[in-house]
Protein backbone atom coordinates (compact mmCIF):
# COMPACT_ATOMS: atom_id res chain seq x y z
CA MET A 1 -35.53 15.75 -3.37
CA LYS A 2 -32.68 16.79 -1.12
CA LYS A 3 -33.10 13.67 1.02
CA GLU A 4 -32.98 11.49 -1.95
CA ASN A 5 -29.81 13.06 -3.32
CA LEU A 6 -28.29 12.87 0.19
CA GLN A 7 -29.00 9.07 0.30
CA PHE A 8 -27.67 8.47 -3.12
CA LYS A 9 -24.43 10.23 -2.28
CA GLY A 10 -24.34 8.34 0.98
CA LYS A 11 -24.60 4.95 -0.58
CA ASN A 12 -21.81 5.88 -3.15
CA GLY A 13 -19.61 7.12 -0.42
CA PHE A 14 -20.04 3.82 1.67
CA LYS A 15 -19.36 1.88 -1.35
CA PHE A 16 -16.04 3.74 -2.02
CA LEU A 17 -14.92 3.19 1.57
CA VAL A 18 -15.79 -0.57 1.35
CA VAL A 19 -13.72 -0.68 -1.96
CA VAL A 20 -10.73 1.15 -0.28
CA PHE A 21 -10.77 -1.15 2.96
CA SER A 22 -10.98 -4.30 0.74
CA PHE A 23 -8.10 -3.12 -1.41
CA SER A 24 -6.01 -2.49 1.64
CA ILE A 25 -6.79 -5.98 3.05
CA LEU A 26 -5.94 -7.46 -0.27
CA LEU A 27 -2.56 -5.74 -0.68
CA PHE A 28 -1.73 -6.82 2.93
CA ASN A 29 -2.50 -10.22 2.39
CA LEU A 30 -0.48 -10.25 -0.92
CA ALA A 31 2.63 -8.67 0.74
CA PRO A 32 5.51 -10.98 0.09
CA VAL A 33 6.89 -12.82 3.17
CA SER A 34 10.33 -14.07 2.57
CA ALA A 35 11.55 -17.20 3.97
CA ASP A 36 15.03 -16.28 3.84
CA GLU A 37 14.80 -13.63 6.43
CA PRO A 38 14.08 -15.45 9.73
CA GLY A 39 14.19 -13.62 13.01
CA ASP A 40 16.72 -14.62 15.79
CA ASN A 41 14.01 -16.01 17.78
CA ASP A 42 12.39 -18.14 14.99
CA PHE A 43 15.16 -20.87 15.00
CA VAL A 44 17.22 -22.46 17.44
CA TYR A 45 20.64 -24.59 17.32
CA LEU A 46 20.16 -28.01 18.60
CA PHE A 47 23.45 -29.58 19.71
CA HIS A 48 23.90 -33.23 19.89
CA LEU A 49 26.46 -33.78 22.91
CA TYR A 50 27.80 -36.38 25.21
CA TYR A 51 28.07 -35.66 28.99
CA ASP A 52 30.80 -37.62 30.81
CA ASN A 53 31.55 -36.72 34.63
CA GLY A 54 31.56 -33.02 34.12
CA GLN A 55 32.96 -32.98 30.52
CA LEU A 56 31.34 -32.35 27.29
CA PHE A 57 31.88 -33.98 23.92
CA ALA A 58 30.31 -34.09 20.53
CA ASP A 59 28.00 -37.12 20.09
CA LYS A 60 29.89 -39.26 17.69
CA ASP A 61 26.76 -41.06 16.68
CA PHE A 62 25.60 -37.89 14.67
CA GLU A 63 27.17 -37.03 11.48
CA PHE A 64 26.74 -33.43 12.41
CA LYS A 65 27.34 -31.72 15.84
CA TYR A 66 24.14 -29.61 15.60
CA ASP A 67 21.22 -28.73 13.54
CA VAL A 68 19.07 -25.70 13.03
CA ILE A 69 15.51 -26.29 13.56
CA PRO A 70 12.43 -23.78 13.18
CA GLU A 71 11.49 -23.11 16.75
CA GLU A 72 11.14 -20.40 19.08
CA PHE A 73 13.96 -20.41 21.69
CA VAL A 74 12.89 -20.66 25.18
CA LEU A 75 15.12 -20.38 28.17
CA GLU A 76 15.90 -23.60 29.88
CA THR A 77 14.63 -24.00 33.55
CA TYR A 78 17.12 -25.72 35.86
CA ASN A 79 17.37 -26.56 39.50
CA THR A 80 21.12 -26.41 40.14
CA LEU A 81 23.21 -23.86 41.65
CA PHE A 82 26.04 -24.36 39.16
CA PRO A 83 24.61 -24.50 35.77
CA PHE A 84 26.81 -24.75 32.54
CA LYS A 85 27.19 -21.90 30.28
CA GLY A 86 27.24 -21.45 26.42
CA GLU A 87 28.52 -18.38 24.61
CA ILE A 88 27.64 -17.56 20.87
CA ILE A 89 30.43 -15.77 19.20
CA ASN A 90 29.67 -13.97 15.78
CA LEU A 91 31.89 -13.61 12.91
CA LYS A 92 33.44 -10.30 14.41
CA ASN A 93 34.52 -12.43 17.46
CA GLU A 94 32.04 -10.65 19.65
CA VAL A 95 29.77 -12.44 22.27
CA ALA A 96 26.38 -12.25 20.52
CA THR A 97 24.56 -14.03 23.38
CA GLN A 98 24.88 -16.35 26.28
CA PHE A 99 22.68 -19.14 27.67
CA LEU A 100 22.53 -21.51 30.58
CA PHE A 101 21.66 -25.23 30.90
CA ASP A 102 21.99 -28.13 33.27
CA PRO A 103 23.54 -31.09 31.42
CA ARG A 104 22.42 -33.48 34.35
CA ARG A 105 18.80 -32.13 33.88
CA GLY A 106 18.32 -32.01 37.82
CA ASN A 107 19.25 -35.53 38.12
CA PRO A 108 22.29 -36.08 40.44
CA ASP A 109 22.62 -39.73 39.48
CA PHE A 110 23.30 -38.97 35.93
CA LEU A 111 26.94 -39.22 35.29
CA LYS A 112 27.45 -40.17 31.66
CA GLY A 113 25.25 -40.14 28.54
CA LYS A 114 23.84 -38.51 25.54
CA ILE A 115 22.12 -34.96 26.04
CA SER A 116 20.72 -32.48 23.64
CA VAL A 117 21.31 -28.64 24.23
CA LYS A 118 19.30 -25.90 22.66
CA ALA A 119 20.72 -22.41 22.05
CA PRO A 120 19.31 -19.37 20.20
CA TYR A 121 19.96 -19.05 16.64
CA ILE A 122 22.45 -16.19 15.58
CA ALA A 123 22.25 -15.15 11.87
CA ASP A 124 26.18 -14.27 11.91
CA GLY A 125 27.20 -16.94 14.43
CA GLN A 126 30.75 -18.21 14.08
CA LYS A 127 31.04 -20.71 17.07
CA VAL A 128 29.59 -21.76 20.42
CA VAL A 129 31.89 -22.21 23.33
CA PHE A 130 30.56 -24.42 26.19
CA TYR A 131 31.76 -23.91 29.56
CA ASP A 132 31.39 -25.69 32.93
CA ALA A 133 30.17 -24.31 36.25
CA GLN A 134 33.53 -22.97 37.03
CA ALA A 135 33.76 -21.02 33.67
CA LYS A 136 36.32 -23.59 32.27
CA PRO A 137 35.91 -24.16 28.46
CA LEU A 138 34.99 -27.68 27.68
CA LEU A 139 33.90 -27.60 24.00
CA THR A 140 33.61 -25.55 20.84
CA VAL A 141 31.24 -26.04 18.08
CA PHE A 142 31.69 -24.08 14.77
CA VAL A 143 28.34 -23.03 13.32
CA SER A 144 29.40 -20.44 10.65
CA GLU A 145 28.28 -22.94 7.84
CA SER A 146 24.56 -22.24 8.98
CA SER A 147 25.00 -18.40 9.11
CA PHE A 148 23.61 -16.31 6.08
CA CYS A 149 25.18 -13.03 7.46
CA ASP A 150 28.84 -12.90 6.67
CA ASP A 151 29.65 -9.54 8.46
CA ASP A 152 31.67 -8.32 5.50
CA GLY A 153 30.16 -4.85 5.62
CA VAL A 154 27.96 -5.24 2.48
CA CYS A 155 24.35 -5.62 2.72
CA ASN A 156 23.60 -8.40 0.46
CA SER A 157 19.61 -8.17 0.16
CA ASP A 158 19.60 -10.99 -2.38
CA ARG A 159 20.72 -13.16 0.28
CA GLY A 160 18.16 -12.12 2.78
CA GLU A 161 20.42 -9.76 4.62
CA ASP A 162 18.59 -6.67 5.94
CA LEU A 163 18.68 -4.19 8.88
CA GLN A 164 16.88 -6.48 11.06
CA THR A 165 18.73 -9.79 10.63
CA CYS A 166 22.08 -8.59 9.74
CA PRO A 167 22.62 -5.17 11.31
CA ASN A 168 26.36 -5.41 11.11
CA ASP A 169 26.15 -5.44 7.19
CA CYS A 170 22.95 -3.53 6.66
CA LYS A 171 23.09 0.05 8.34
CA THR A 172 21.59 3.47 7.68
CA LEU A 173 24.24 5.21 5.74
CA PRO A 174 24.44 8.57 4.19
CA THR A 175 24.19 8.92 0.49
CA ALA A 176 27.13 10.05 -1.74
CA ASN A 177 26.24 13.66 -1.34
CA GLY A 178 25.65 13.25 2.28
CA GLN A 179 22.16 14.70 2.31
CA GLN A 180 19.52 11.79 2.60
CA PRO A 181 20.20 8.57 4.58
CA THR A 182 19.36 5.38 2.74
CA THR A 183 18.72 1.98 4.60
CA ASP A 184 19.93 -1.03 2.99
CA GLY A 185 17.84 -4.46 2.90
CA SER A 186 14.13 -3.85 3.18
CA GLY A 187 13.58 -3.49 -0.53
CA GLN A 188 10.21 -3.71 -2.26
CA GLY A 189 8.67 -5.24 0.76
CA GLY A 190 9.19 -2.25 2.88
CA ILE A 191 7.91 0.09 0.12
CA LEU A 192 4.72 -1.88 -0.27
CA MET A 193 4.18 -1.95 3.44
CA ALA A 194 4.49 1.71 3.57
CA ALA A 195 2.11 2.03 0.54
CA ILE A 196 -0.33 -0.03 2.40
CA TYR A 197 -0.08 2.12 5.60
CA VAL A 198 -0.45 5.34 3.52
CA LEU A 199 -3.62 3.75 1.82
CA ILE A 200 -5.24 2.64 4.91
CA THR A 201 -4.42 6.17 6.51
CA ALA A 202 -6.04 7.92 3.50
CA GLY A 203 -9.15 5.77 3.69
CA ALA A 204 -9.55 6.61 7.30
CA ALA A 205 -9.20 10.28 6.64
CA LEU A 206 -11.63 10.12 3.86
CA GLY A 207 -14.14 8.39 5.83
CA GLY A 208 -13.79 10.96 8.60
CA TRP A 209 -14.26 13.77 6.13
CA TYR A 210 -17.27 12.16 4.58
CA GLY A 211 -18.97 11.54 7.89
CA TRP A 212 -18.47 15.12 8.80
CA LYS A 213 -19.98 16.42 5.59
CA ARG A 214 -22.90 13.85 5.80
CA TRP A 215 -23.56 15.12 9.33
CA LYS A 216 -23.38 18.61 8.21
CA LYS A 217 -25.86 18.19 5.38
CA VAL A 218 -28.30 16.30 7.62
CA LYS A 219 -28.26 19.03 10.24
CA ASN A 220 -28.93 21.62 7.55
CA VAL A 221 -31.75 19.63 5.95
CA GLY A 222 -33.21 19.04 9.49
CA GLU A 223 -33.16 22.74 10.37
CA ASN A 224 -34.97 23.65 7.10
CA GLU A 225 -37.70 20.96 7.60
CA PHE A 226 -38.43 22.05 11.20
CA ILE A 227 -38.80 25.90 10.61
CA PRO A 228 -42.58 26.44 11.32
CA PRO A 229 -44.41 28.01 8.29
CA VAL A 230 -45.87 31.44 8.60
CA ASN A 231 -49.69 31.29 9.29
CA ARG A 232 -50.89 33.99 6.84
CA ASP A 233 -54.52 33.42 7.48
CA THR A 234 -54.05 34.08 11.25
CA ASN A 235 -52.02 37.24 10.49
CA SER A 236 -54.82 38.35 8.02
CA SER A 237 -57.62 37.82 10.48
CA GLN A 238 -55.64 39.62 13.21
CA SER A 239 -55.00 42.72 10.91
CA THR A 240 -58.79 42.79 10.10
CA PHE A 241 -59.69 42.65 13.75
CA ASN A 242 -57.50 45.42 14.56
CA ASP A 243 -58.83 47.50 11.79
CA LYS A 244 -62.56 46.91 13.08
CA SER A 245 -61.50 47.90 16.54
CA ARG A 246 -60.10 51.24 15.26
CA LEU A 247 -63.61 51.91 13.75
């Protein structure tokens, strides 16, 4: 009877763990992923330029000087000792990042023609300044029209600004009473992910506790089953034999 009850409880416990795990996976798959919150490495600037004997110009055949394309930025490999440089300036007039490139693409015979240059996308980019090998500025392209972070000191979560994409606007700030810090930007997505982690942790803890209880019950049942019974007939015969010996 104890074995049957133990098996019944074991099946119910296993079903419960399966339900918890399935529910956790479902919540994880249903977690919203905002398309308005790209990481810095998920997009690149693609500049349409024209190279002319060491000078750089915007390509007049393109309506726009650059495009933003969904692509992970990869550093350019070049074979020259004198590469050109680009600096991306953010809206706070700070150098956000730099990149190097060879406008001639390793071809010493290339003196004039169209080129394309890729640079890492910056969410609060203001402009990109291109320099030659002697650090002389050649061309400036403004990119603020494609930036969704405005560096105004206000975290506009409805526009996709958060602590990861717009750190200049979304910071960990103290509340009015100065006791508990609050972080702008993550919103309901962060709360949902935290709830998922808590649920998974709780399921794992419950599984460990259930496994320990089941092992303990199985051990107790096993000990009770393997206790050898007392052979009353043998004891009785031995007692009778001893009584006869005394006589």
